[in-house]
Amino acid sequence: MTTLYCACCGRPFIRTSTRGPAPRYCSQDCRLQMAVRRRAWSARDGTGRGAFGRTPATADGRRDFASLI
């Protein structure tokens, strides 16, 4: 099979099946770790979005969609 390298920890791992897209991570732990990192990075990337990628509400409680354009 094909040897791949984990996008999280860099360890080599073997692709067990040639069907479907190639996996990026060697384990479920790495997949979860990258999901946590993605949420943390999106909170501090400067787009004004919160930790879950939502736009902050304006003073009257509605979402400001003009900031997305």
PDB file of N, CA and C in Angstrom:
ATOM      1  N   MET A   1       0.831  -1.189   0.000  1.00  0.00           N
ATOM      2  CA  MET A   1       0.000   0.000   0.000  1.00  0.00           C
ATOM      3  C   MET A   1       0.877   1.255   0.000  1.00  0.00           C
ATOM      4  N   THR A   2       0.239   2.396   0.051  1.00  0.00           N
ATOM      5  CA  THR A   2       0.935   3.675  -0.028  1.00  0.00           C
ATOM      6  C   THR A   2       1.245   4.222   1.366  1.00  0.00           C
ATOM      7  N   THR A   3       2.450   4.718   1.553  1.00  0.00           N
ATOM      8  CA  THR A   3       2.810   5.354   2.818  1.00  0.00           C
ATOM      9  C   THR A   3       2.470   6.837   2.738  1.00  0.00           C
ATOM     10  N   LEU A   4       1.730   7.314   3.729  1.00  0.00           N
ATOM     11  CA  LEU A   4       1.355   8.718   3.828  1.00  0.00           C
ATOM     12  C   LEU A   4       1.910   9.286   5.123  1.00  0.00           C
ATOM     13  N   TYR A   5       1.877  10.602   5.268  1.00  0.00           N
ATOM     14  CA  TYR A   5       2.347  11.261   6.483  1.00  0.00           C
ATOM     15  C   TYR A   5       1.205  12.073   7.077  1.00  0.00           C
ATOM     16  N   CYS A   6       1.003  11.954   8.373  1.00  0.00           N
ATOM     17  CA  CYS A   6      -0.085  12.608   9.089  1.00  0.00           C
ATOM     18  C   CYS A   6       0.093  14.129   9.044  1.00  0.00           C
ATOM     19  N   ALA A   7      -0.980  14.853   8.738  1.00  0.00           N
ATOM     20  CA  ALA A   7      -0.941  16.311   8.681  1.00  0.00           C
ATOM     21  C   ALA A   7      -0.892  16.927  10.070  1.00  0.00           C
ATOM     22  N   CYS A   8      -1.153  16.151  11.110  1.00  0.00           N
ATOM     23  CA  CYS A   8      -1.144  16.651  12.478  1.00  0.00           C
ATOM     24  C   CYS A   8       0.212  16.412  13.141  1.00  0.00           C
ATOM     25  N   CYS A   9       0.626  15.160  13.207  1.00  0.00           N
ATOM     26  CA  CYS A   9       1.835  14.824  13.956  1.00  0.00           C
ATOM     27  C   CYS A   9       3.032  14.489  13.065  1.00  0.00           C
ATOM     28  N   GLY A  10       2.811  14.268  11.771  1.00  0.00           N
ATOM     29  CA  GLY A  10       3.907  13.991  10.852  1.00  0.00           C
ATOM     30  C   GLY A  10       4.366  12.555  10.799  1.00  0.00           C
ATOM     31  N   ARG A  11       3.727  11.675  11.580  1.00  0.00           N
ATOM     32  CA  ARG A  11       4.124  10.262  11.569  1.00  0.00           C
ATOM     33  C   ARG A  11       3.710   9.582  10.266  1.00  0.00           C
ATOM     34  N   PRO A  12       4.524   8.671   9.770  1.00  0.00           N
ATOM     35  CA  PRO A  12       4.121   7.914   8.584  1.00  0.00           C
ATOM     36  C   PRO A  12       3.060   6.878   8.961  1.00  0.00           C
ATOM     37  N   PHE A  13       2.117   6.658   8.039  1.00  0.00           N
ATOM     38  CA  PHE A  13       1.130   5.600   8.237  1.00  0.00           C
ATOM     39  C   PHE A  13       0.777   5.016   6.885  1.00  0.00           C
ATOM     40  N   ILE A  14       0.239   3.832   6.901  1.00  0.00           N
ATOM     41  CA  ILE A  14      -0.083   3.101   5.676  1.00  0.00           C
ATOM     42  C   ILE A  14      -1.546   3.321   5.323  1.00  0.00           C
ATOM     43  N   ARG A  15      -1.787   3.649   4.083  1.00  0.00           N
ATOM     44  CA  ARG A  15      -3.160   3.746   3.595  1.00  0.00           C
ATOM     45  C   ARG A  15      -3.669   2.334   3.374  1.00  0.00           C
ATOM     46  N   THR A  16      -4.751   1.989   4.086  1.00  0.00           N
ATOM     47  CA  THR A  16      -5.224   0.608   4.042  1.00  0.00           C
ATOM     48  C   THR A  16      -6.094   0.299   2.839  1.00  0.00           C
ATOM     49  N   SER A  17      -6.689   1.319   2.230  1.00  0.00           N
ATOM     50  CA  SER A  17      -7.553   1.091   1.082  1.00  0.00           C
ATOM     51  C   SER A  17      -7.278   2.151   0.028  1.00  0.00           C
ATOM     52  N   THR A  18      -7.370   1.760  -1.222  1.00  0.00           N
ATOM     53  CA  THR A  18      -7.174   2.728  -2.306  1.00  0.00           C
ATOM     54  C   THR A  18      -8.490   3.377  -2.717  1.00  0.00           C
ATOM     55  N   ARG A  19      -9.573   2.965  -2.102  1.00  0.00           N
ATOM     56  CA  ARG A  19     -10.887   3.542  -2.427  1.00  0.00           C
ATOM     57  C   ARG A  19     -11.075   4.858  -1.678  1.00  0.00           C
ATOM     58  N   GLY A  20     -11.690   5.819  -2.342  1.00  0.00           N
ATOM     59  CA  GLY A  20     -11.999   7.088  -1.712  1.00  0.00           C
ATOM     60  C   GLY A  20     -10.787   7.998  -1.612  1.00  0.00           C
ATOM     61  N   PRO A  21     -10.998   9.184  -1.036  1.00  0.00           N
ATOM     62  CA  PRO A  21      -9.888  10.125  -0.895  1.00  0.00           C
ATOM     63  C   PRO A  21      -8.868   9.647   0.142  1.00  0.00           C
ATOM     64  N   ALA A  22      -7.656  10.095  -0.008  1.00  0.00           N
ATOM     65  CA  ALA A  22      -6.590   9.704   0.926  1.00  0.00           C
ATOM     66  C   ALA A  22      -6.827  10.361   2.283  1.00  0.00           C
ATOM     67  N   PRO A  23      -6.643   9.626   3.370  1.00  0.00           N
ATOM     68  CA  PRO A  23      -6.799  10.212   4.698  1.00  0.00           C
ATOM     69  C   PRO A  23      -5.658  11.185   5.002  1.00  0.00           C
ATOM     70  N   ARG A  24      -5.942  12.211   5.790  1.00  0.00           N
ATOM     71  CA  ARG A  24      -4.915  13.189   6.152  1.00  0.00           C
ATOM     72  C   ARG A  24      -4.269  12.880   7.495  1.00  0.00           C
ATOM     73  N   TYR A  25      -4.965  12.114   8.331  1.00  0.00           N
ATOM     74  CA  TYR A  25      -4.510  11.909   9.699  1.00  0.00           C
ATOM     75  C   TYR A  25      -4.333  10.426   9.986  1.00  0.00           C
ATOM     76  N   CYS A  26      -3.400  10.118  10.884  1.00  0.00           N
ATOM     77  CA  CYS A  26      -3.076   8.724  11.172  1.00  0.00           C
ATOM     78  C   CYS A  26      -4.055   8.091  12.156  1.00  0.00           C
ATOM     79  N   SER A  27      -4.785   8.893  12.943  1.00  0.00           N
ATOM     80  CA  SER A  27      -5.667   8.320  13.953  1.00  0.00           C
ATOM     81  C   SER A  27      -6.836   9.255  14.247  1.00  0.00           C
ATOM     82  N   GLN A  28      -7.787   8.733  14.990  1.00  0.00           N
ATOM     83  CA  GLN A  28      -8.928   9.533  15.428  1.00  0.00           C
ATOM     84  C   GLN A  28      -8.463  10.653  16.359  1.00  0.00           C
ATOM     85  N   ASP A  29      -7.454  10.391  17.182  1.00  0.00           N
ATOM     86  CA  ASP A  29      -6.908  11.420  18.072  1.00  0.00           C
ATOM     87  C   ASP A  29      -6.382  12.616  17.282  1.00  0.00           C
ATOM     88  N   CYS A  30      -5.682  12.356  16.192  1.00  0.00           N
ATOM     89  CA  CYS A  30      -5.169  13.446  15.366  1.00  0.00           C
ATOM     90  C   CYS A  30      -6.306  14.208  14.695  1.00  0.00           C
ATOM     91  N   ARG A  31      -7.339  13.504  14.244  1.00  0.00           N
ATOM     92  CA  ARG A  31      -8.495  14.182  13.647  1.00  0.00           C
ATOM     93  C   ARG A  31      -9.153  15.116  14.641  1.00  0.00           C
ATOM     94  N   LEU A  32      -9.334  14.647  15.882  1.00  0.00           N
ATOM     95  CA  LEU A  32      -9.942  15.484  16.912  1.00  0.00           C
ATOM     96  C   LEU A  32      -9.043  16.668  17.271  1.00  0.00           C
ATOM     97  N   GLN A  33      -7.750  16.436  17.361  1.00  0.00           N
ATOM     98  CA  GLN A  33      -6.816  17.512  17.677  1.00  0.00           C
ATOM     99  C   GLN A  33      -6.855  18.600  16.611  1.00  0.00           C
ATOM    100  N   MET A  34      -6.923  18.218  15.353  1.00  0.00           N
ATOM    101  CA  MET A  34      -6.969  19.208  14.286  1.00  0.00           C
ATOM    102  C   MET A  34      -8.293  19.963  14.282  1.00  0.00           C
ATOM    103  N   ALA A  35      -9.390  19.318  14.659  1.00  0.00           N
ATOM    104  CA  ALA A  35     -10.666  20.018  14.764  1.00  0.00           C
ATOM    105  C   ALA A  35     -10.610  21.077  15.869  1.00  0.00           C
ATOM    106  N   VAL A  36      -9.967  20.745  16.975  1.00  0.00           N
ATOM    107  CA  VAL A  36      -9.802  21.706  18.073  1.00  0.00           C
ATOM    108  C   VAL A  36      -8.934  22.877  17.610  1.00  0.00           C
ATOM    109  N   ARG A  37      -7.835  22.569  16.932  1.00  0.00           N
ATOM    110  CA  ARG A  37      -6.952  23.630  16.446  1.00  0.00           C
ATOM    111  C   ARG A  37      -7.677  24.527  15.446  1.00  0.00           C
ATOM    112  N   ARG A  38      -8.476  23.923  14.549  1.00  0.00           N
ATOM    113  CA  ARG A  38      -9.202  24.702  13.551  1.00  0.00           C
ATOM    114  C   ARG A  38     -10.141  25.701  14.213  1.00  0.00           C
ATOM    115  N   ARG A  39     -10.855  25.253  15.274  1.00  0.00           N
ATOM    116  CA  ARG A  39     -11.750  26.159  16.001  1.00  0.00           C
ATOM    117  C   ARG A  39     -10.968  27.276  16.673  1.00  0.00           C
ATOM    118  N   ALA A  40      -9.835  26.942  17.266  1.00  0.00           N
ATOM    119  CA  ALA A  40      -9.019  27.960  17.935  1.00  0.00           C
ATOM    120  C   ALA A  40      -8.454  28.954  16.930  1.00  0.00           C
ATOM    121  N   TRP A  41      -7.998  28.465  15.776  1.00  0.00           N
ATOM    122  CA  TRP A  41      -7.434  29.359  14.763  1.00  0.00           C
ATOM    123  C   TRP A  41      -8.507  30.265  14.178  1.00  0.00           C
ATOM    124  N   SER A  42      -9.715  29.752  13.976  1.00  0.00           N
ATOM    125  CA  SER A  42     -10.766  30.580  13.390  1.00  0.00           C
ATOM    126  C   SER A  42     -11.193  31.683  14.349  1.00  0.00           C
ATOM    127  N   ALA A  43     -11.014  31.461  15.655  1.00  0.00           N
ATOM    128  CA  ALA A  43     -11.385  32.479  16.637  1.00  0.00           C
ATOM    129  C   ALA A  43     -10.399  33.634  16.631  1.00  0.00           C
ATOM    130  N   ARG A  44      -9.173  33.398  16.201  1.00  0.00           N
ATOM    131  CA  ARG A  44      -8.173  34.459  16.248  1.00  0.00           C
ATOM    132  C   ARG A  44      -7.631  34.852  14.889  1.00  0.00           C
ATOM    133  N   ASP A  45      -8.340  34.548  13.799  1.00  0.00           N
ATOM    134  CA  ASP A  45      -7.816  34.875  12.476  1.00  0.00           C
ATOM    135  C   ASP A  45      -8.109  36.302  12.039  1.00  0.00           C
ATOM    136  N   GLY A  46      -8.823  37.078  12.864  1.00  0.00           N
ATOM    137  CA  GLY A  46      -9.035  38.479  12.555  1.00  0.00           C
ATOM    138  C   GLY A  46     -10.228  38.777  11.663  1.00  0.00           C
ATOM    139  N   THR A  47     -11.070  37.808  11.385  1.00  0.00           N
ATOM    140  CA  THR A  47     -12.225  38.061  10.531  1.00  0.00           C
ATOM    141  C   THR A  47     -13.410  38.600  11.308  1.00  0.00           C
ATOM    142  N   GLY A  48     -13.306  38.638  12.625  1.00  0.00           N
ATOM    143  CA  GLY A  48     -14.417  39.132  13.428  1.00  0.00           C
ATOM    144  C   GLY A  48     -15.432  38.055  13.747  1.00  0.00           C
ATOM    145  N   ARG A  49     -15.126  36.846  13.377  1.00  0.00           N
ATOM    146  CA  ARG A  49     -16.050  35.761  13.660  1.00  0.00           C
ATOM    147  C   ARG A  49     -15.705  35.132  14.992  1.00  0.00           C
ATOM    148  N   GLY A  50     -16.687  34.526  15.621  1.00  0.00           N
ATOM    149  CA  GLY A  50     -16.465  33.898  16.921  1.00  0.00           C
ATOM    150  C   GLY A  50     -15.777  32.560  16.793  1.00  0.00           C
ATOM    151  N   ALA A  51     -15.760  31.822  17.875  1.00  0.00           N
ATOM    152  CA  ALA A  51     -15.055  30.552  17.919  1.00  0.00           C
ATOM    153  C   ALA A  51     -15.680  29.501  17.010  1.00  0.00           C
ATOM    154  N   PHE A  52     -16.934  29.684  16.626  1.00  0.00           N
ATOM    155  CA  PHE A  52     -17.594  28.685  15.795  1.00  0.00           C
ATOM    156  C   PHE A  52     -17.886  29.209  14.400  1.00  0.00           C
ATOM    157  N   GLY A  53     -17.203  30.272  13.979  1.00  0.00           N
ATOM    158  CA  GLY A  53     -17.345  30.771  12.618  1.00  0.00           C
ATOM    159  C   GLY A  53     -18.578  31.617  12.390  1.00  0.00           C
ATOM    160  N   ARG A  54     -19.251  32.039  13.433  1.00  0.00           N
ATOM    161  CA  ARG A  54     -20.436  32.859  13.278  1.00  0.00           C
ATOM    162  C   ARG A  54     -20.062  34.324  13.352  1.00  0.00           C
ATOM    163  N   THR A  55     -20.849  35.164  12.670  1.00  0.00           N
ATOM    164  CA  THR A  55     -20.614  36.599  12.788  1.00  0.00           C
ATOM    165  C   THR A  55     -21.235  37.082  14.088  1.00  0.00           C
ATOM    166  N   PRO A  56     -20.615  38.045  14.761  1.00  0.00           N
ATOM    167  CA  PRO A  56     -21.178  38.545  16.017  1.00  0.00           C
ATOM    168  C   PRO A  56     -22.471  39.309  15.774  1.00  0.00           C
ATOM    169  N   ALA A  57     -23.356  39.270  16.732  1.00  0.00           N
ATOM    170  CA  ALA A  57     -24.629  39.972  16.614  1.00  0.00           C
ATOM    171  C   ALA A  57     -24.404  41.472  16.822  1.00  0.00           C
ATOM    172  N   THR A  58     -25.214  42.285  16.161  1.00  0.00           N
ATOM    173  CA  THR A  58     -25.143  43.732  16.344  1.00  0.00           C
ATOM    174  C   THR A  58     -25.893  44.094  17.619  1.00  0.00           C
ATOM    175  N   ALA A  59     -25.959  45.378  17.924  1.00  0.00           N
ATOM    176  CA  ALA A  59     -26.581  45.834  19.171  1.00  0.00           C
ATOM    177  C   ALA A  59     -28.055  45.442  19.257  1.00  0.00           C
ATOM    178  N   ASP A  60     -28.750  45.393  18.116  1.00  0.00           N
ATOM    179  CA  ASP A  60     -30.172  45.040  18.156  1.00  0.00           C
ATOM    180  C   ASP A  60     -30.408  43.535  18.039  1.00  0.00           C
ATOM    181  N   GLY A  61     -29.335  42.738  18.055  1.00  0.00           N
ATOM    182  CA  GLY A  61     -29.474  41.284  18.072  1.00  0.00           C
ATOM    183  C   GLY A  61     -29.452  40.618  16.709  1.00  0.00           C
ATOM    184  N   ARG A  62     -29.453  41.406  15.636  1.00  0.00           N
ATOM    185  CA  ARG A  62     -29.414  40.823  14.293  1.00  0.00           C
ATOM    186  C   ARG A  62     -27.970  40.633  13.848  1.00  0.00           C
ATOM    187  N   ARG A  63     -27.763  39.745  12.922  1.00  0.00           N
ATOM    188  CA  ARG A  63     -26.419  39.492  12.407  1.00  0.00           C
ATOM    189  C   ARG A  63     -26.059  40.561  11.378  1.00  0.00           C
ATOM    190  N   ASP A  64     -24.803  40.975  11.372  1.00  0.00           N
ATOM    191  CA  ASP A  64     -24.311  41.970  10.435  1.00  0.00           C
ATOM    192  C   ASP A  64     -23.660  41.234   9.268  1.00  0.00           C
ATOM    193  N   PHE A  65     -24.410  41.046   8.183  1.00  0.00           N
ATOM    194  CA  PHE A  65     -23.882  40.288   7.044  1.00  0.00           C
ATOM    195  C   PHE A  65     -23.049  41.131   6.109  1.00  0.00           C
ATOM    196  N   ALA A  66     -23.095  42.446   6.245  1.00  0.00           N
ATOM    197  CA  ALA A  66     -22.284  43.296   5.403  1.00  0.00           C
ATOM    198  C   ALA A  66     -20.798  43.084   5.669  1.00  0.00           C
ATOM    199  N   SER A  67     -20.451  42.646   6.859  1.00  0.00           N
ATOM    200  CA  SER A  67     -19.038  42.435   7.174  1.00  0.00           C
ATOM    201  C   SER A  67     -18.477  41.193   6.491  1.00  0.00           C
ATOM    202  N   LEU A  68     -19.351  40.352   5.958  1.00  0.00           N
ATOM    203  CA  LEU A  68     -18.887  39.136   5.286  1.00  0.00           C
ATOM    204  C   LEU A  68     -18.491  39.397   3.853  1.00  0.00           C
ATOM    205  N   ILE A  69     -18.922  40.503   3.294  1.00  0.00           N
ATOM    206  CA  ILE A  69     -18.693  40.787   1.870  1.00  0.00           C
ATOM    207  C   ILE A  69     -17.341  41.427   1.659  1.00  0.00           C
TER     208      ILE A  69
END
